């Protein structure tokens, strides 16, 4: 898959189209380790025009399948699992603070 300029892997995307007049369930592909599916766009969600702002995409509770409503399009984004990213960032900040405390004494 594609890589960013810094060499890190880009996010994954999965697009589901349901032009039928009934809802249909789609099986989702497996993602690499530490990545989860998030809803980026779901045209059946009129209250938000079907679009989630970057960073506000909700995590799918069910990572193996998704029910797409009738006459809708859904775009899922496979990205690093937020809890793991937040935990990693907190550990880095904690390590930085520890180093700074050690240098001042």
PDB file of N, CA and C in Angstrom:
ATOM      1  N   UNK A   1       0.820  -1.187   0.000  1.00  0.00           N
ATOM      2  CA  UNK A   1       0.000   0.000   0.000  1.00  0.00           C
ATOM      3  C   UNK A   1       0.864   1.251   0.000  1.00  0.00           C
ATOM      4  N   UNK A   2       0.213   2.373  -0.165  1.00  0.00           N
ATOM      5  CA  UNK A   2       0.931   3.633  -0.264  1.00  0.00           C
ATOM      6  C   UNK A   2       1.631   4.027   1.022  1.00  0.00           C
ATOM      7  N   UNK A   3       2.704   4.758   0.844  1.00  0.00           N
ATOM      8  CA  UNK A   3       3.439   5.300   1.987  1.00  0.00           C
ATOM      9  C   UNK A   3       3.445   6.812   1.905  1.00  0.00           C
ATOM     10  N   UNK A   4       3.556   7.436   3.057  1.00  0.00           N
ATOM     11  CA  UNK A   4       3.664   8.885   3.137  1.00  0.00           C
ATOM     12  C   UNK A   4       5.107   9.294   2.873  1.00  0.00           C
ATOM     13  N   UNK A   5       5.332  10.593   2.757  1.00  0.00           N
ATOM     14  CA  UNK A   5       6.673  11.098   2.478  1.00  0.00           C
ATOM     15  C   UNK A   5       7.678  10.692   3.545  1.00  0.00           C
ATOM     16  N   UNK A   6       7.208  10.579   4.806  1.00  0.00           N
ATOM     17  CA  UNK A   6       8.123  10.207   5.893  1.00  0.00           C
ATOM     18  C   UNK A   6       8.377   8.695   5.971  1.00  0.00           C
ATOM     19  N   UNK A   7       7.772   7.922   5.052  1.00  0.00           N
ATOM     20  CA  UNK A   7       7.977   6.476   5.018  1.00  0.00           C
ATOM     21  C   UNK A   7       6.948   5.688   5.799  1.00  0.00           C
ATOM     22  N   UNK A   8       6.095   6.361   6.575  1.00  0.00           N
ATOM     23  CA  UNK A   8       5.055   5.653   7.323  1.00  0.00           C
ATOM     24  C   UNK A   8       3.932   5.252   6.365  1.00  0.00           C
ATOM     25  N   UNK A   9       3.199   4.222   6.762  1.00  0.00           N
ATOM     26  CA  UNK A   9       2.121   3.741   5.908  1.00  0.00           C
ATOM     27  C   UNK A   9       0.909   4.657   5.982  1.00  0.00           C
ATOM     28  N   UNK A  10       0.257   4.840   4.849  1.00  0.00           N
ATOM     29  CA  UNK A  10      -0.941   5.655   4.782  1.00  0.00           C
ATOM     30  C   UNK A  10      -2.121   4.850   5.318  1.00  0.00           C
ATOM     31  N   UNK A  11      -3.276   5.508   5.503  1.00  0.00           N
ATOM     32  CA  UNK A  11      -4.478   4.838   5.970  1.00  0.00           C
ATOM     33  C   UNK A  11      -5.050   3.950   4.868  1.00  0.00           C
ATOM     34  N   UNK A  12      -5.888   2.995   5.259  1.00  0.00           N
ATOM     35  CA  UNK A  12      -6.561   2.094   4.336  1.00  0.00           C
ATOM     36  C   UNK A  12      -7.990   2.586   4.162  1.00  0.00           C
ATOM     37  N   UNK A  13      -8.571   2.332   2.991  1.00  0.00           N
ATOM     38  CA  UNK A  13      -9.948   2.723   2.734  1.00  0.00           C
ATOM     39  C   UNK A  13     -10.712   1.552   2.142  1.00  0.00           C
ATOM     40  N   UNK A  14     -11.997   1.466   2.504  1.00  0.00           N
ATOM     41  CA  UNK A  14     -12.892   0.444   1.967  1.00  0.00           C
ATOM     42  C   UNK A  14     -14.211   1.128   1.656  1.00  0.00           C
ATOM     43  N   UNK A  15     -14.658   1.022   0.405  1.00  0.00           N
ATOM     44  CA  UNK A  15     -15.872   1.703  -0.038  1.00  0.00           C
ATOM     45  C   UNK A  15     -16.958   0.668  -0.313  1.00  0.00           C
ATOM     46  N   UNK A  16     -18.157   0.917   0.254  1.00  0.00           N
ATOM     47  CA  UNK A  16     -19.293   0.015   0.047  1.00  0.00           C
ATOM     48  C   UNK A  16     -20.439   0.798  -0.599  1.00  0.00           C
ATOM     49  N   UNK A  17     -20.986   0.239  -1.659  1.00  0.00           N
ATOM     50  CA  UNK A  17     -22.115   0.845  -2.357  1.00  0.00           C
ATOM     51  C   UNK A  17     -23.314  -0.082  -2.209  1.00  0.00           C
ATOM     52  N   UNK A  18     -24.449   0.455  -1.801  1.00  0.00           N
ATOM     53  CA  UNK A  18     -25.686  -0.315  -1.770  1.00  0.00           C
ATOM     54  C   UNK A  18     -26.752   0.494  -2.483  1.00  0.00           C
ATOM     55  N   UNK A  19     -27.010   0.165  -3.727  1.00  0.00           N
ATOM     56  CA  UNK A  19     -28.009   0.871  -4.517  1.00  0.00           C
ATOM     57  C   UNK A  19     -29.355   0.147  -4.494  1.00  0.00           C
ATOM     58  N   UNK A  20     -29.430  -0.923  -3.710  1.00  0.00           N
ATOM     59  CA  UNK A  20     -30.667  -1.684  -3.571  1.00  0.00           C
ATOM     60  C   UNK A  20     -31.634  -0.946  -2.658  1.00  0.00           C
ATOM     61  N   UNK A  21     -32.911  -1.294  -2.694  1.00  0.00           N
ATOM     62  CA  UNK A  21     -33.910  -0.649  -1.846  1.00  0.00           C
ATOM     63  C   UNK A  21     -34.008  -1.280  -0.463  1.00  0.00           C
ATOM     64  N   UNK A  22     -33.143  -2.249  -0.172  1.00  0.00           N
ATOM     65  CA  UNK A  22     -33.085  -2.872   1.153  1.00  0.00           C
ATOM     66  C   UNK A  22     -31.663  -2.758   1.695  1.00  0.00           C
ATOM     67  N   UNK A  23     -31.491  -2.750   3.029  1.00  0.00           N
ATOM     68  CA  UNK A  23     -30.140  -2.731   3.605  1.00  0.00           C
ATOM     69  C   UNK A  23     -29.401  -4.025   3.291  1.00  0.00           C
ATOM     70  N   UNK A  24     -28.084  -3.942   3.207  1.00  0.00           N
ATOM     71  CA  UNK A  24     -27.256  -5.122   2.960  1.00  0.00           C
ATOM     72  C   UNK A  24     -26.043  -5.103   3.877  1.00  0.00           C
ATOM     73  N   UNK A  25     -25.684  -6.284   4.355  1.00  0.00           N
ATOM     74  CA  UNK A  25     -24.517  -6.415   5.217  1.00  0.00           C
ATOM     75  C   UNK A  25     -23.295  -6.762   4.377  1.00  0.00           C
ATOM     76  N   UNK A  26     -22.198  -6.072   4.648  1.00  0.00           N
ATOM     77  CA  UNK A  26     -20.942  -6.297   3.946  1.00  0.00           C
ATOM     78  C   UNK A  26     -19.913  -6.879   4.909  1.00  0.00           C
ATOM     79  N   UNK A  27     -19.161  -7.852   4.437  1.00  0.00           N
ATOM     80  CA  UNK A  27     -18.021  -8.348   5.199  1.00  0.00           C
ATOM     81  C   UNK A  27     -16.852  -7.395   4.994  1.00  0.00           C
ATOM     82  N   UNK A  28     -16.082  -7.156   6.049  1.00  0.00           N
ATOM     83  CA  UNK A  28     -14.965  -6.213   5.970  1.00  0.00           C
ATOM     84  C   UNK A  28     -13.638  -6.958   5.885  1.00  0.00           C
ATOM     85  N   UNK A  29     -12.719  -6.446   5.089  1.00  0.00           N
ATOM     86  CA  UNK A  29     -11.390  -7.064   5.025  1.00  0.00           C
ATOM     87  C   UNK A  29     -10.635  -6.879   6.341  1.00  0.00           C
ATOM     88  N   UNK A  30      -9.748  -7.810   6.616  1.00  0.00           N
ATOM     89  CA  UNK A  30      -8.916  -7.702   7.815  1.00  0.00           C
ATOM     90  C   UNK A  30      -7.853  -6.628   7.594  1.00  0.00           C
ATOM     91  N   UNK A  31      -7.582  -5.886   8.638  1.00  0.00           N
ATOM     92  CA  UNK A  31      -6.556  -4.842   8.595  1.00  0.00           C
ATOM     93  C   UNK A  31      -5.272  -5.341   9.246  1.00  0.00           C
ATOM     94  N   UNK A  32      -4.154  -4.713   8.916  1.00  0.00           N
ATOM     95  CA  UNK A  32      -2.910  -5.051   9.612  1.00  0.00           C
ATOM     96  C   UNK A  32      -3.040  -4.773  11.110  1.00  0.00           C
ATOM     97  N   UNK A  33      -2.152  -5.345  11.846  1.00  0.00           N
ATOM     98  CA  UNK A  33      -2.124  -5.209  13.302  1.00  0.00           C
ATOM     99  C   UNK A  33      -2.145  -3.736  13.734  1.00  0.00           C
ATOM    100  N   UNK A  34      -2.825  -3.455  14.822  1.00  0.00           N
ATOM    101  CA  UNK A  34      -2.931  -2.121  15.419  1.00  0.00           C
ATOM    102  C   UNK A  34      -3.754  -1.133  14.597  1.00  0.00           C
ATOM    103  N   UNK A  35      -4.487  -1.617  13.625  1.00  0.00           N
ATOM    104  CA  UNK A  35      -5.362  -0.735  12.839  1.00  0.00           C
ATOM    105  C   UNK A  35      -6.797  -1.191  13.004  1.00  0.00           C
ATOM    106  N   UNK A  36      -7.720  -0.240  12.961  1.00  0.00           N
ATOM    107  CA  UNK A  36      -9.143  -0.521  13.105  1.00  0.00           C
ATOM    108  C   UNK A  36      -9.919   0.288  12.069  1.00  0.00           C
ATOM    109  N   UNK A  37     -11.136  -0.184  11.787  1.00  0.00           N
ATOM    110  CA  UNK A  37     -12.018   0.515  10.853  1.00  0.00           C
ATOM    111  C   UNK A  37     -12.762   1.640  11.561  1.00  0.00           C
ATOM    112  N   UNK A  38     -12.787   2.802  10.919  1.00  0.00           N
ATOM    113  CA  UNK A  38     -13.527   3.979  11.375  1.00  0.00           C
ATOM    114  C   UNK A  38     -14.429   4.428  10.232  1.00  0.00           C
ATOM    115  N   UNK A  39     -15.591   4.997  10.554  1.00  0.00           N
ATOM    116  CA  UNK A  39     -16.514   5.480   9.525  1.00  0.00           C
ATOM    117  C   UNK A  39     -16.110   6.897   9.129  1.00  0.00           C
ATOM    118  N   UNK A  40     -15.725   7.070   7.876  1.00  0.00           N
ATOM    119  CA  UNK A  40     -15.365   8.395   7.361  1.00  0.00           C
ATOM    120  C   UNK A  40     -16.578   9.064   6.716  1.00  0.00           C
ATOM    121  N   UNK A  41     -17.343   8.269   5.945  1.00  0.00           N
ATOM    122  CA  UNK A  41     -18.522   8.783   5.247  1.00  0.00           C
ATOM    123  C   UNK A  41     -19.614   7.724   5.286  1.00  0.00           C
ATOM    124  N   UNK A  42     -20.834   8.149   5.574  1.00  0.00           N
ATOM    125  CA  UNK A  42     -22.009   7.279   5.480  1.00  0.00           C
ATOM    126  C   UNK A  42     -23.157   8.166   5.021  1.00  0.00           C
ATOM    127  N   UNK A  43     -23.528   8.045   3.745  1.00  0.00           N
ATOM    128  CA  UNK A  43     -24.517   8.958   3.176  1.00  0.00           C
ATOM    129  C   UNK A  43     -25.916   8.775   3.746  1.00  0.00           C
ATOM    130  N   UNK A  44     -26.135   7.733   4.537  1.00  0.00           N
ATOM    131  CA  UNK A  44     -27.455   7.554   5.166  1.00  0.00           C
ATOM    132  C   UNK A  44     -27.623   8.443   6.394  1.00  0.00           C
ATOM    133  N   UNK A  45     -26.556   9.077   6.844  1.00  0.00           N
ATOM    134  CA  UNK A  45     -26.596   9.925   8.043  1.00  0.00           C
ATOM    135  C   UNK A  45     -26.824  11.380   7.652  1.00  0.00           C
ATOM    136  N   UNK A  46     -28.073  11.754   7.483  1.00  0.00           N
ATOM    137  CA  UNK A  46     -28.424  13.092   7.018  1.00  0.00           C
ATOM    138  C   UNK A  46     -28.075  14.206   7.972  1.00  0.00           C
ATOM    139  N   UNK A  47     -28.094  13.932   9.292  1.00  0.00           N
ATOM    140  CA  UNK A  47     -27.858  15.003  10.261  1.00  0.00           C
ATOM    141  C   UNK A  47     -26.446  15.570  10.173  1.00  0.00           C
ATOM    142  N   UNK A  48     -25.494  14.834   9.646  1.00  0.00           N
ATOM    143  CA  UNK A  48     -24.125  15.354   9.487  1.00  0.00           C
ATOM    144  C   UNK A  48     -23.725  15.390   8.015  1.00  0.00           C
ATOM    145  N   UNK A  49     -24.702  15.287   7.128  1.00  0.00           N
ATOM    146  CA  UNK A  49     -24.458  15.202   5.684  1.00  0.00           C
ATOM    147  C   UNK A  49     -23.583  14.013   5.326  1.00  0.00           C
ATOM    148  N   UNK A  50     -23.555  13.020   6.197  1.00  0.00           N
ATOM    149  CA  UNK A  50     -22.841  11.789   5.911  1.00  0.00           C
ATOM    150  C   UNK A  50     -21.337  11.846   6.073  1.00  0.00           C
ATOM    151  N   UNK A  51     -20.812  12.971   6.535  1.00  0.00           N
ATOM    152  CA  UNK A  51     -19.362  13.181   6.550  1.00  0.00           C
ATOM    153  C   UNK A  51     -18.863  13.472   7.962  1.00  0.00           C
ATOM    154  N   UNK A  52     -17.817  12.771   8.368  1.00  0.00           N
ATOM    155  CA  UNK A  52     -17.170  13.044   9.652  1.00  0.00           C
ATOM    156  C   UNK A  52     -15.876  13.814   9.403  1.00  0.00           C
ATOM    157  N   UNK A  53     -15.641  14.848  10.180  1.00  0.00           N
ATOM    158  CA  UNK A  53     -14.403  15.620  10.074  1.00  0.00           C
ATOM    159  C   UNK A  53     -13.206  14.736  10.415  1.00  0.00           C
ATOM    160  N   UNK A  54     -12.068  15.029   9.820  1.00  0.00           N
ATOM    161  CA  UNK A  54     -10.840  14.287  10.072  1.00  0.00           C
ATOM    162  C   UNK A  54     -10.518  14.281  11.565  1.00  0.00           C
ATOM    163  N   UNK A  55     -10.306  13.096  12.103  1.00  0.00           N
ATOM    164  CA  UNK A  55     -10.020  12.947  13.517  1.00  0.00           C
ATOM    165  C   UNK A  55     -11.246  12.702  14.375  1.00  0.00           C
ATOM    166  N   UNK A  56     -12.448  12.889  13.817  1.00  0.00           N
ATOM    167  CA  UNK A  56     -13.691  12.666  14.556  1.00  0.00           C
ATOM    168  C   UNK A  56     -14.445  11.431  14.083  1.00  0.00           C
ATOM    169  N   UNK A  57     -13.814  10.612  13.262  1.00  0.00           N
ATOM    170  CA  UNK A  57     -14.477   9.427  12.736  1.00  0.00           C
ATOM    171  C   UNK A  57     -14.740   8.436  13.874  1.00  0.00           C
ATOM    172  N   UNK A  58     -15.984   7.911  13.972  1.00  0.00           N
ATOM    173  CA  UNK A  58     -16.267   6.949  15.037  1.00  0.00           C
ATOM    174  C   UNK A  58     -15.676   5.575  14.719  1.00  0.00           C
ATOM    175  N   UNK A  59     -15.188   4.931  15.754  1.00  0.00           N
ATOM    176  CA  UNK A  59     -14.658   3.578  15.641  1.00  0.00           C
ATOM    177  C   UNK A  59     -15.816   2.608  15.471  1.00  0.00           C
ATOM    178  N   UNK A  60     -15.686   1.666  14.536  1.00  0.00           N
ATOM    179  CA  UNK A  60     -16.709   0.634  14.391  1.00  0.00           C
ATOM    180  C   UNK A  60     -16.608  -0.343  15.549  1.00  0.00           C
ATOM    181  N   UNK A  61     -17.730  -0.625  16.187  1.00  0.00           N
ATOM    182  CA  UNK A  61     -17.729  -1.617  17.258  1.00  0.00           C
ATOM    183  C   UNK A  61     -17.510  -3.004  16.673  1.00  0.00           C
ATOM    184  N   UNK A  62     -18.172  -3.300  15.563  1.00  0.00           N
ATOM    185  CA  UNK A  62     -18.049  -4.589  14.882  1.00  0.00           C
ATOM    186  C   UNK A  62     -17.049  -4.428  13.740  1.00  0.00           C
ATOM    187  N   UNK A  63     -15.886  -5.045  13.857  1.00  0.00           N
ATOM    188  CA  UNK A  63     -14.808  -4.863  12.881  1.00  0.00           C
ATOM    189  C   UNK A  63     -14.845  -5.874  11.736  1.00  0.00           C
ATOM    190  N   UNK A  64     -15.829  -6.779  11.739  1.00  0.00           N
ATOM    191  CA  UNK A  64     -15.889  -7.823  10.708  1.00  0.00           C
ATOM    192  C   UNK A  64     -16.968  -7.594   9.662  1.00  0.00           C
ATOM    193  N   UNK A  65     -17.965  -6.771   9.992  1.00  0.00           N
ATOM    194  CA  UNK A  65     -19.069  -6.543   9.050  1.00  0.00           C
ATOM    195  C   UNK A  65     -19.720  -5.191   9.322  1.00  0.00           C
ATOM    196  N   UNK A  66     -20.438  -4.713   8.289  1.00  0.00           N
ATOM    197  CA  UNK A  66     -21.111  -3.419   8.416  1.00  0.00           C
ATOM    198  C   UNK A  66     -22.403  -3.466   7.617  1.00  0.00           C
ATOM    199  N   UNK A  67     -23.488  -3.014   8.231  1.00  0.00           N
ATOM    200  CA  UNK A  67     -24.784  -2.963   7.563  1.00  0.00           C
ATOM    201  C   UNK A  67     -24.923  -1.612   6.869  1.00  0.00           C
ATOM    202  N   UNK A  68     -25.040  -1.656   5.550  1.00  0.00           N
ATOM    203  CA  UNK A  68     -25.190  -0.437   4.756  1.00  0.00           C
ATOM    204  C   UNK A  68     -26.671  -0.261   4.435  1.00  0.00           C
ATOM    205  N   UNK A  69     -27.209   0.885   4.809  1.00  0.00           N
ATOM    206  CA  UNK A  69     -28.623   1.156   4.574  1.00  0.00           C
ATOM    207  C   UNK A  69     -28.908   1.274   3.082  1.00  0.00           C
ATOM    208  N   UNK A  70     -30.181   1.179   2.769  1.00  0.00           N
ATOM    209  CA  UNK A  70     -30.607   1.221   1.366  1.00  0.00           C
ATOM    210  C   UNK A  70     -30.170   2.523   0.692  1.00  0.00           C
ATOM    211  N   UNK A  71     -29.769   2.364  -0.563  1.00  0.00           N
ATOM    212  CA  UNK A  71     -29.357   3.492  -1.411  1.00  0.00           C
ATOM    213  C   UNK A  71     -28.347   4.416  -0.720  1.00  0.00           C
ATOM    214  N   UNK A  72     -27.299   3.792  -0.187  1.00  0.00           N
ATOM    215  CA  UNK A  72     -26.275   4.537   0.541  1.00  0.00           C
ATOM    216  C   UNK A  72     -24.879   4.117   0.108  1.00  0.00           C
ATOM    217  N   UNK A  73     -23.952   4.993   0.403  1.00  0.00           N
ATOM    218  CA  UNK A  73     -22.532   4.726   0.173  1.00  0.00           C
ATOM    219  C   UNK A  73     -21.813   4.951   1.496  1.00  0.00           C
ATOM    220  N   UNK A  74     -20.908   4.044   1.833  1.00  0.00           N
ATOM    221  CA  UNK A  74     -20.138   4.143   3.070  1.00  0.00           C
ATOM    222  C   UNK A  74     -18.656   4.027   2.733  1.00  0.00           C
ATOM    223  N   UNK A  75     -17.862   4.910   3.315  1.00  0.00           N
ATOM    224  CA  UNK A  75     -16.413   4.841   3.179  1.00  0.00           C
ATOM    225  C   UNK A  75     -15.829   4.613   4.575  1.00  0.00           C
ATOM    226  N   UNK A  76     -15.102   3.520   4.727  1.00  0.00           N
ATOM    227  CA  UNK A  76     -14.425   3.239   5.986  1.00  0.00           C
ATOM    228  C   UNK A  76     -12.950   3.557   5.844  1.00  0.00           C
ATOM    229  N   UNK A  77     -12.364   4.012   6.921  1.00  0.00           N
ATOM    230  CA  UNK A  77     -10.943   4.307   6.939  1.00  0.00           C
ATOM    231  C   UNK A  77     -10.287   3.392   7.971  1.00  0.00           C
ATOM    232  N   UNK A  78      -9.293   2.646   7.530  1.00  0.00           N
ATOM    233  CA  UNK A  78      -8.530   1.794   8.433  1.00  0.00           C
ATOM    234  C   UNK A  78      -7.302   2.550   8.878  1.00  0.00           C
ATOM    235  N   UNK A  79      -7.284   2.939  10.150  1.00  0.00           N
ATOM    236  CA  UNK A  79      -6.155   3.716  10.642  1.00  0.00           C
ATOM    237  C   UNK A  79      -5.716   3.179  11.994  1.00  0.00           C
ATOM    238  N   UNK A  80      -4.607   3.708  12.491  1.00  0.00           N
ATOM    239  CA  UNK A  80      -4.099   3.250  13.778  1.00  0.00           C
ATOM    240  C   UNK A  80      -5.175   3.397  14.838  1.00  0.00           C
ATOM    241  N   UNK A  81      -5.271   2.390  15.670  1.00  0.00           N
ATOM    242  CA  UNK A  81      -6.266   2.359  16.737  1.00  0.00           C
ATOM    243  C   UNK A  81      -5.991   3.494  17.710  1.00  0.00           C
ATOM    244  N   UNK A  82      -6.965   4.385  17.901  1.00  0.00           N
ATOM    245  CA  UNK A  82      -6.786   5.624  18.666  1.00  0.00           C
ATOM    246  C   UNK A  82      -6.262   5.382  20.076  1.00  0.00           C
ATOM    247  N   UNK A  83      -6.761   4.363  20.781  1.00  0.00           N
ATOM    248  CA  UNK A  83      -6.296   4.118  22.144  1.00  0.00           C
ATOM    249  C   UNK A  83      -4.814   3.810  22.157  1.00  0.00           C
ATOM    250  N   UNK A  84      -4.345   3.043  21.176  1.00  0.00           N
ATOM    251  CA  UNK A  84      -2.927   2.715  21.106  1.00  0.00           C
ATOM    252  C   UNK A  84      -2.104   3.956  20.796  1.00  0.00           C
ATOM    253  N   UNK A  85      -2.600   4.799  19.900  1.00  0.00           N
ATOM    254  CA  UNK A  85      -1.891   6.032  19.545  1.00  0.00           C
ATOM    255  C   UNK A  85      -1.824   6.950  20.757  1.00  0.00           C
ATOM    256  N   UNK A  86      -2.972   7.141  21.453  1.00  0.00           N
ATOM    257  CA  UNK A  86      -3.001   8.018  22.628  1.00  0.00           C
ATOM    258  C   UNK A  86      -2.076   7.491  23.715  1.00  0.00           C
ATOM    259  N   UNK A  87      -2.081   6.180  23.950  1.00  0.00           N
ATOM    260  CA  UNK A  87      -1.221   5.590  24.971  1.00  0.00           C
ATOM    261  C   UNK A  87       0.245   5.810  24.614  1.00  0.00           C
ATOM    262  N   UNK A  88       0.583   5.635  23.345  1.00  0.00           N
ATOM    263  CA  UNK A  88       1.954   5.833  22.885  1.00  0.00           C
ATOM    264  C   UNK A  88       2.384   7.282  23.072  1.00  0.00           C
ATOM    265  N   UNK A  89       1.486   8.232  22.757  1.00  0.00           N
ATOM    266  CA  UNK A  89       1.808   9.645  22.919  1.00  0.00           C
ATOM    267  C   UNK A  89       1.992  10.002  24.390  1.00  0.00           C
ATOM    268  N   UNK A  90       1.140   9.433  25.263  1.00  0.00           N
ATOM    269  CA  UNK A  90       1.270   9.706  26.694  1.00  0.00           C
ATOM    270  C   UNK A  90       2.592   9.154  27.232  1.00  0.00           C
ATOM    271  N   UNK A  91       2.998   7.963  26.733  1.00  0.00           N
ATOM    272  CA  UNK A  91       4.266   7.381  27.174  1.00  0.00           C
ATOM    273  C   UNK A  91       5.436   8.253  26.743  1.00  0.00           C
ATOM    274  N   UNK A  92       5.387   8.769  25.515  1.00  0.00           N
ATOM    275  CA  UNK A  92       6.452   9.650  25.025  1.00  0.00           C
ATOM    276  C   UNK A  92       6.541  10.908  25.868  1.00  0.00           C
ATOM    277  N   UNK A  93       5.373  11.511  26.174  1.00  0.00           N
ATOM    278  CA  UNK A  93       5.356  12.722  26.990  1.00  0.00           C
ATOM    279  C   UNK A  93       5.895  12.440  28.383  1.00  0.00           C
ATOM    280  N   UNK A  94       5.536  11.310  28.941  1.00  0.00           N
ATOM    281  CA  UNK A  94       5.999  10.923  30.271  1.00  0.00           C
ATOM    282  C   UNK A  94       7.516  10.729  30.270  1.00  0.00           C
ATOM    283  N   UNK A  95       8.027  10.078  29.215  1.00  0.00           N
ATOM    284  CA  UNK A  95       9.474   9.866  29.101  1.00  0.00           C
ATOM    285  C   UNK A  95      10.206  11.191  28.950  1.00  0.00           C
ATOM    286  N   UNK A  96       9.638  12.116  28.181  1.00  0.00           N
ATOM    287  CA  UNK A  96      10.249  13.435  27.987  1.00  0.00           C
ATOM    288  C   UNK A  96      10.304  14.189  29.305  1.00  0.00           C
ATOM    289  N   UNK A  97       9.206  14.148  30.069  1.00  0.00           N
ATOM    290  CA  UNK A  97       9.157  14.834  31.360  1.00  0.00           C
ATOM    291  C   UNK A  97      10.173  14.217  32.332  1.00  0.00           C
ATOM    292  N   UNK A  98      10.294  12.881  32.303  1.00  0.00           N
ATOM    293  CA  UNK A  98      11.249  12.203  33.177  1.00  0.00           C
ATOM    294  C   UNK A  98      12.673  12.619  32.857  1.00  0.00           C
ATOM    295  N   UNK A  99      12.984  12.717  31.558  1.00  0.00           N
ATOM    296  CA  UNK A  99      14.325  13.122  31.143  1.00  0.00           C
ATOM    297  C   UNK A  99      14.609  14.560  31.570  1.00  0.00           C
ATOM    298  N   UNK A 100      13.602  15.433  31.396  1.00  0.00           N
ATOM    299  CA  UNK A 100      13.766  16.835  31.772  1.00  0.00           C
ATOM    300  C   UNK A 100      13.970  16.964  33.281  1.00  0.00           C
ATOM    301  N   UNK A 101      13.232  16.179  34.076  1.00  0.00           N
ATOM    302  CA  UNK A 101      13.381  16.215  35.519  1.00  0.00           C
ATOM    303  C   UNK A 101      14.770  15.743  35.930  1.00  0.00           C
ATOM    304  N   UNK A 102      15.263  14.736  35.221  1.00  0.00           N
ATOM    305  CA  UNK A 102      16.598  14.198  35.528  1.00  0.00           C
ATOM    306  C   UNK A 102      17.712  15.164  35.170  1.00  0.00           C
ATOM    307  N   UNK A 103      17.505  15.962  34.130  1.00  0.00           N
ATOM    308  CA  UNK A 103      18.534  16.903  33.706  1.00  0.00           C
ATOM    309  C   UNK A 103      18.610  18.108  34.614  1.00  0.00           C
ATOM    310  N   UNK A 104      17.492  18.480  35.231  1.00  0.00           N
ATOM    311  CA  UNK A 104      17.491  19.696  36.048  1.00  0.00           C
ATOM    312  C   UNK A 104      18.123  19.463  37.416  1.00  0.00           C
ATOM    313  N   UNK A 105      18.321  18.212  37.829  1.00  0.00           N
ATOM    314  CA  UNK A 105      18.827  17.959  39.157  1.00  0.00           C
ATOM    315  C   UNK A 105      20.213  17.571  39.156  1.00  0.00           C
TER     316      UNK A 105
END
